C-alpha cells in the first residue's frame, strides 16, 4: 500500500491592512509645492545672455541689441558689397579677460546669430583696425590671420525704431575704442561653449562623410568608370594671392556704402528676444 506524500504547511500570511491611510490634502499639497517650486522668471536679457554663453562662455554683459542685422563683405575686385548669408539678431557684448592674460585686458565682440543657417558671425573688436559709420553701414576692417588679408565687413542694421541704428553704431564704436586701446589678445585656445562644440562635432562628421564619399568616387574612377560633373582640383590656381588691403580701399568702400533696397532684408519683428529656435537647437 503506497503512502501519500505529506503536504507542506501553507505559508501563513499576515492579513493586509485594507484601511486607507488618513491624508491631509492641504499639508500634502504644501509639501509638493515646496519641493517643486517653479524657477524664478527671467528677463529677455537674461535669456539672451544664456543663449550667447552657450557659444562663448566669456560673454558676461550685453551692451546693445538690434532685432535684425545683415552682414555684407566688400569685394575689392568688383568694388561692391555682397551678402554673406548671415542675417539675424545682433548683440554687442562685453567679454571677461582671458584667465592667462597678465594685463587682464578688456574684450568685446559683435555677435550676429544667424537665422538663415548655422554660421554665426563673431567679430573680435580688438582685431578691428578701423571702424566707422558710412551711410547705412557700420564698416569694420578686420585683421586677417597669418597669410590672410584684412577683411572689410559692413553691418546693415534694420532701423525698427528711430534711433536703433544710431545707438547700436555708437556703442560698437565705443566698445571698439576700449578693446583696441587695450590691445589685441592672443587666444590661448579655442573658446567654445556647448552649442559651438556641438556644431563643430556636426561639421566634423559631415566632413568625414564627404571624405569617405570622395574616396569611393576616386576608386570608381580608377576602375575606368567616368565621373561626370567633377572639375579638376587645382588649389594653387583657384586661390588668389592674398595680401593686406590696399591704401585706397577704404575710400572705395565709402563710395559704395549705400545698399540697394532690393538687397536689404525686412526685420521679422521688433522684439529683442532671441528666437526660440536657437534655444531648441542648442539644447
Protein backbone atom coordinates (compact mmCIF):
# COMPACT_ATOMS: atom_id res chain seq x y z
CA UNK A 1 0.00 0.00 0.00
CA UNK A 2 1.51 3.29 -1.11
CA UNK A 3 1.86 6.16 1.24
CA UNK A 4 0.57 9.60 0.39
CA UNK A 5 3.10 12.37 0.24
CA UNK A 6 2.54 14.70 3.14
CA UNK A 7 1.52 18.18 2.10
CA UNK A 8 3.63 21.11 3.09
CA UNK A 9 2.22 23.53 5.54
CA UNK A 10 0.81 26.61 3.91
CA UNK A 11 2.63 29.87 4.42
CA UNK A 12 0.84 31.93 6.97
CA UNK A 13 0.37 35.37 5.52
CA UNK A 14 -0.31 38.44 7.51
CA UNK A 15 -3.67 39.95 6.71
CA UNK A 16 -3.31 43.07 4.59
CA UNK A 17 -4.34 46.34 6.04
CA UNK A 18 -7.10 47.48 3.73
CA UNK A 19 -7.87 50.59 5.71
CA UNK A 20 -6.72 53.62 3.66
CA UNK A 21 -4.22 55.92 5.29
CA UNK A 22 -5.53 59.19 6.53
CA UNK A 23 -4.25 62.05 4.37
CA UNK A 24 -4.33 65.76 4.95
CA UNK A 25 -4.74 67.31 1.48
CA UNK A 26 -3.56 70.75 2.47
CA UNK A 27 -0.35 69.55 4.11
CA UNK A 28 0.41 67.18 1.21
CA UNK A 29 -0.18 69.91 -1.37
CA UNK A 30 2.05 72.30 0.56
CA UNK A 31 4.85 69.71 0.66
CA UNK A 32 4.61 69.10 -3.09
CA UNK A 33 4.73 72.80 -3.91
CA UNK A 34 7.67 73.27 -1.56
CA UNK A 35 9.69 70.52 -3.27
CA UNK A 36 8.86 71.52 -6.85
CA UNK A 37 8.83 75.28 -6.75
CA UNK A 38 8.86 76.84 -10.25
CA UNK A 39 12.05 78.62 -11.29
CA UNK A 40 12.03 82.39 -10.91
CA UNK A 41 11.03 84.28 -14.06
CA UNK A 42 13.89 85.56 -16.21
CA UNK A 43 14.03 88.70 -18.29
CA UNK A 44 14.68 88.75 -22.03
CA UNK A 45 18.21 89.97 -21.37
CA UNK A 46 18.93 87.00 -19.09
CA UNK A 47 17.52 84.57 -21.66
CA UNK A 48 19.58 86.15 -24.44
CA UNK A 49 22.72 86.04 -22.31
CA UNK A 50 22.25 82.34 -21.52
CA UNK A 51 21.94 81.57 -25.25
CA UNK A 52 25.06 83.57 -26.16
CA UNK A 53 27.09 81.94 -23.38
CA UNK A 54 26.42 78.55 -24.97
CA UNK A 55 28.58 79.77 -27.85
CA UNK A 56 31.05 82.00 -25.96
CA UNK A 57 31.12 81.45 -22.17
CA UNK A 58 33.28 84.58 -21.72
CA UNK A 59 30.36 86.89 -22.60
CA UNK A 60 29.10 88.46 -19.38
CA UNK A 61 27.18 91.58 -20.48
CA UNK A 62 25.02 92.56 -23.44
CA UNK A 63 25.70 96.21 -24.26
CA UNK A 64 23.14 96.64 -27.04
CA UNK A 65 20.74 94.63 -29.21
CA UNK A 66 19.42 95.07 -32.74
CA UNK A 67 16.46 92.92 -33.75
CA UNK A 68 17.81 92.36 -37.26
CA UNK A 69 21.17 92.96 -38.91
CA UNK A 70 22.67 91.82 -42.21
CA UNK A 71 26.39 91.15 -42.72
CA UNK A 72 27.99 92.23 -46.01
CA UNK A 73 31.52 91.66 -47.29
CA UNK A 74 33.28 94.08 -49.61
CA UNK A 75 34.56 92.65 -52.90
CA UNK A 76 37.51 94.80 -53.92
CA UNK A 77 37.54 93.35 -57.46
CA UNK A 78 34.00 94.43 -58.33
CA UNK A 79 34.01 97.27 -55.76
CA UNK A 80 30.62 96.24 -54.43
CA UNK A 81 29.03 94.82 -51.31
CA UNK A 82 27.97 91.19 -51.30
CA UNK A 83 25.66 89.43 -48.88
CA UNK A 84 27.49 86.92 -46.70
CA UNK A 85 24.37 84.87 -45.98
CA UNK A 86 24.39 85.85 -42.32
CA UNK A 87 21.34 87.69 -41.04
CA UNK A 88 19.75 87.77 -37.61
CA UNK A 89 19.74 89.35 -34.18
CA UNK A 90 22.86 91.38 -33.43
CA UNK A 91 24.41 91.74 -29.98
CA UNK A 92 27.26 93.96 -28.86
CA UNK A 93 28.81 92.08 -25.94
CA UNK A 94 31.44 92.64 -23.27
CA UNK A 95 33.67 89.65 -22.51
CA UNK A 96 35.70 88.62 -19.49
CA UNK A 97 39.50 88.86 -19.80
CA UNK A 98 41.36 85.68 -20.62
CA UNK A 99 42.46 83.77 -17.50
CA UNK A 100 46.09 83.68 -18.65
CA UNK A 101 46.29 87.36 -19.60
CA UNK A 102 48.55 89.13 -17.06
CA UNK A 103 47.13 92.51 -18.02
CA UNK A 104 43.50 91.33 -17.73
CA UNK A 105 42.63 93.38 -20.81
CA UNK A 106 39.02 94.15 -21.62
CA UNK A 107 37.42 92.37 -24.55
CA UNK A 108 34.29 92.97 -26.61
CA UNK A 109 32.67 91.47 -29.68
CA UNK A 110 29.85 91.87 -32.17
CA UNK A 111 27.79 88.68 -32.28
CA UNK A 112 25.20 88.03 -35.01
CA UNK A 113 23.05 84.92 -34.50
CA UNK A 114 22.33 83.70 -37.99
CA UNK A 115 18.70 82.74 -38.54
CA UNK A 116 19.44 81.57 -42.09
CA UNK A 117 21.97 78.91 -41.18
CA UNK A 118 24.43 77.62 -38.58
CA UNK A 119 27.26 80.01 -39.46
CA UNK A 120 27.19 82.85 -36.95
CA UNK A 121 29.42 85.92 -37.18
CA UNK A 122 31.59 86.85 -34.19
CA UNK A 123 33.81 89.90 -34.66
CA UNK A 124 36.54 90.37 -32.05
CA UNK A 125 36.67 94.16 -31.74
CA UNK A 126 40.29 94.09 -30.57
CA UNK A 127 41.21 92.85 -34.07
CA UNK A 128 39.32 95.60 -35.86
CA UNK A 129 41.85 98.12 -37.15
CA UNK A 130 39.27 100.66 -38.31
CA UNK A 131 35.58 101.23 -37.63
CA UNK A 132 33.31 103.96 -38.90
CA UNK A 133 29.73 104.71 -39.87
CA UNK A 134 29.28 105.43 -43.56
CA UNK A 135 25.80 105.90 -44.93
CA UNK A 136 23.64 102.98 -43.80
CA UNK A 137 26.54 100.71 -42.84
CA UNK A 138 28.83 100.20 -39.89
CA UNK A 139 32.12 99.42 -41.66
CA UNK A 140 34.80 97.38 -39.89
CA UNK A 141 38.22 96.44 -41.18
CA UNK A 142 39.23 93.18 -39.50
CA UNK A 143 42.78 91.86 -39.29
CA UNK A 144 43.39 88.60 -41.10
CA UNK A 145 45.24 85.70 -39.53
CA UNK A 146 48.60 84.52 -40.85
CA UNK A 147 48.61 84.87 -44.67
CA UNK A 148 45.02 86.01 -44.91
CA UNK A 149 44.49 89.61 -45.86
CA UNK A 150 42.38 92.09 -43.96
CA UNK A 151 38.65 91.77 -44.46
CA UNK A 152 36.16 94.60 -44.72
CA UNK A 153 32.74 93.90 -43.25
CA UNK A 154 29.63 96.01 -43.42
CA UNK A 155 26.81 95.69 -40.89
CA UNK A 156 23.41 96.93 -42.04
CA UNK A 157 21.11 97.39 -39.02
CA UNK A 158 17.36 97.45 -39.50
CA UNK A 159 16.11 100.73 -38.09
CA UNK A 160 12.94 99.39 -36.46
CA UNK A 161 12.92 102.41 -34.16
CA UNK A 162 14.06 105.97 -34.72
CA UNK A 163 17.45 105.56 -33.03
CA UNK A 164 18.15 101.80 -33.29
CA UNK A 165 20.83 102.12 -35.97
CA UNK A 166 22.39 105.22 -34.45
CA UNK A 167 22.55 103.84 -30.90
CA UNK A 168 23.99 100.46 -31.91
CA UNK A 169 26.57 102.06 -34.20
CA UNK A 170 27.70 104.39 -31.40
CA UNK A 171 28.03 101.51 -28.91
CA UNK A 172 30.01 99.44 -31.43
CA UNK A 173 32.45 102.31 -31.94
CA UNK A 174 32.79 102.95 -28.20
CA UNK A 175 33.37 99.26 -27.40
CA UNK A 176 35.87 99.05 -30.27
CA UNK A 177 37.88 102.01 -28.94
CA UNK A 178 38.11 100.45 -25.48
CA UNK A 179 39.04 96.98 -26.77
CA UNK A 180 41.51 98.37 -29.31
CA UNK A 181 43.23 100.62 -26.79
CA UNK A 182 43.81 97.60 -24.56
CA UNK A 183 45.45 95.81 -27.48
CA UNK A 184 44.65 92.53 -29.22
CA UNK A 185 44.73 89.45 -27.03
CA UNK A 186 46.25 86.29 -28.43
CA UNK A 187 43.79 83.46 -27.77
CA UNK A 188 45.27 80.62 -25.72
CA UNK A 189 42.94 78.08 -27.25
CA UNK A 190 39.59 77.74 -28.94
CA UNK A 191 36.87 79.17 -26.75
CA UNK A 192 33.66 77.29 -27.33
CA UNK A 193 30.56 76.67 -25.31
CA UNK A 194 28.30 73.61 -25.57
CA UNK A 195 26.46 74.92 -28.64
CA UNK A 196 29.68 75.67 -30.53
CA UNK A 197 31.14 72.27 -29.62
CA UNK A 198 28.01 70.54 -30.91
CA UNK A 199 28.27 72.47 -34.18
CA UNK A 200 31.95 71.51 -34.53
CA UNK A 201 31.16 67.83 -33.94
CA UNK A 202 28.41 68.00 -36.54
CA UNK A 203 30.72 69.70 -39.03
CA UNK A 204 33.46 67.11 -38.45
CA UNK A 205 31.02 64.24 -39.01
CA UNK A 206 29.79 65.84 -42.25
CA UNK A 207 33.35 66.34 -43.47
CA UNK A 208 34.31 62.76 -42.66
CA UNK A 209 31.28 61.51 -44.59
CA UNK A 210 32.23 63.71 -47.55
CA UNK A 211 35.78 62.37 -47.38
CA UNK A 212 34.57 58.77 -47.48
CA UNK A 213 32.29 59.57 -50.42
CA UNK A 214 35.18 61.23 -52.25
CA UNK A 215 37.37 58.17 -51.74
CA UNK A 216 34.64 55.93 -53.11
CA UNK A 217 34.35 58.14 -56.20
CA UNK A 218 38.12 58.04 -56.71
CA UNK A 219 38.09 54.24 -56.58
CA UNK A 220 35.33 54.15 -59.16
CA UNK A 221 37.35 56.49 -61.37
CA UNK A 222 40.40 54.25 -61.15
CA UNK A 223 38.32 51.30 -62.34
CA UNK A 224 37.60 53.10 -65.59
CA UNK A 225 34.13 54.39 -64.82
CA UNK A 226 33.69 58.01 -65.84
CA UNK A 227 32.74 60.51 -63.16
CA UNK A 228 30.66 63.26 -64.70
CA UNK A 229 30.48 66.78 -63.38
CA UNK A 230 33.74 66.64 -61.47
CA UNK A 231 36.08 69.55 -62.07
CA UNK A 232 39.85 69.16 -61.79
CA UNK A 233 41.18 70.22 -58.42
CA UNK A 234 43.97 72.73 -58.50
CA UNK A 235 44.10 74.70 -55.30
CA UNK A 236 47.09 76.72 -56.44
CA UNK A 237 45.33 78.15 -59.47
CA UNK A 238 41.99 78.71 -57.74
CA UNK A 239 43.39 80.61 -54.81
CA UNK A 240 44.04 84.26 -55.43
CA UNK A 241 47.08 85.95 -53.98
CA UNK A 242 46.05 87.38 -50.63
CA UNK A 243 47.70 90.30 -49.01
CA UNK A 244 46.98 93.33 -46.93
CA UNK A 245 44.35 95.78 -48.05
CA UNK A 246 45.38 98.49 -50.43
CA UNK A 247 45.72 102.01 -49.01
CA UNK A 248 42.79 103.34 -51.04
CA UNK A 249 40.40 100.52 -50.25
CA UNK A 250 38.53 102.38 -47.54
CA UNK A 251 37.91 105.23 -49.95
CA UNK A 252 36.37 102.80 -52.43
CA UNK A 253 34.32 101.23 -49.64
CA UNK A 254 32.91 104.59 -48.60
CA UNK A 255 31.88 105.36 -52.16
CA UNK A 256 29.59 102.31 -52.28
CA UNK A 257 28.30 102.38 -48.72
CA UNK A 258 24.69 102.61 -49.91
CA UNK A 259 22.82 99.30 -50.05
CA UNK A 260 20.12 98.98 -52.75
CA UNK A 261 16.59 98.48 -51.48
CA UNK A 262 16.36 95.10 -53.22
CA UNK A 263 19.36 93.83 -51.24
CA UNK A 264 18.00 94.80 -47.85
CA UNK A 265 16.11 92.44 -45.60
CA UNK A 266 12.97 93.24 -43.73
CA UNK A 267 13.05 92.71 -40.00
CA UNK A 268 10.98 89.72 -38.86
CA UNK A 269 9.89 91.62 -35.78
CA UNK A 270 10.82 94.30 -33.34
CA UNK A 271 11.29 92.09 -30.31
CA UNK A 272 14.81 91.87 -28.95
CA UNK A 273 14.46 88.39 -27.53
CA UNK A 274 16.42 85.64 -29.22
CA UNK A 275 14.28 83.36 -31.37
CA UNK A 276 13.23 80.22 -29.53
CA UNK A 277 14.63 78.07 -32.35
CA UNK A 278 18.15 78.92 -31.20
CA UNK A 279 17.44 77.62 -27.72
CA UNK A 280 15.92 74.47 -29.17
CA UNK A 281 18.88 73.90 -31.48
CA UNK A 282 21.45 74.32 -28.73
CA UNK A 283 19.87 72.01 -26.19
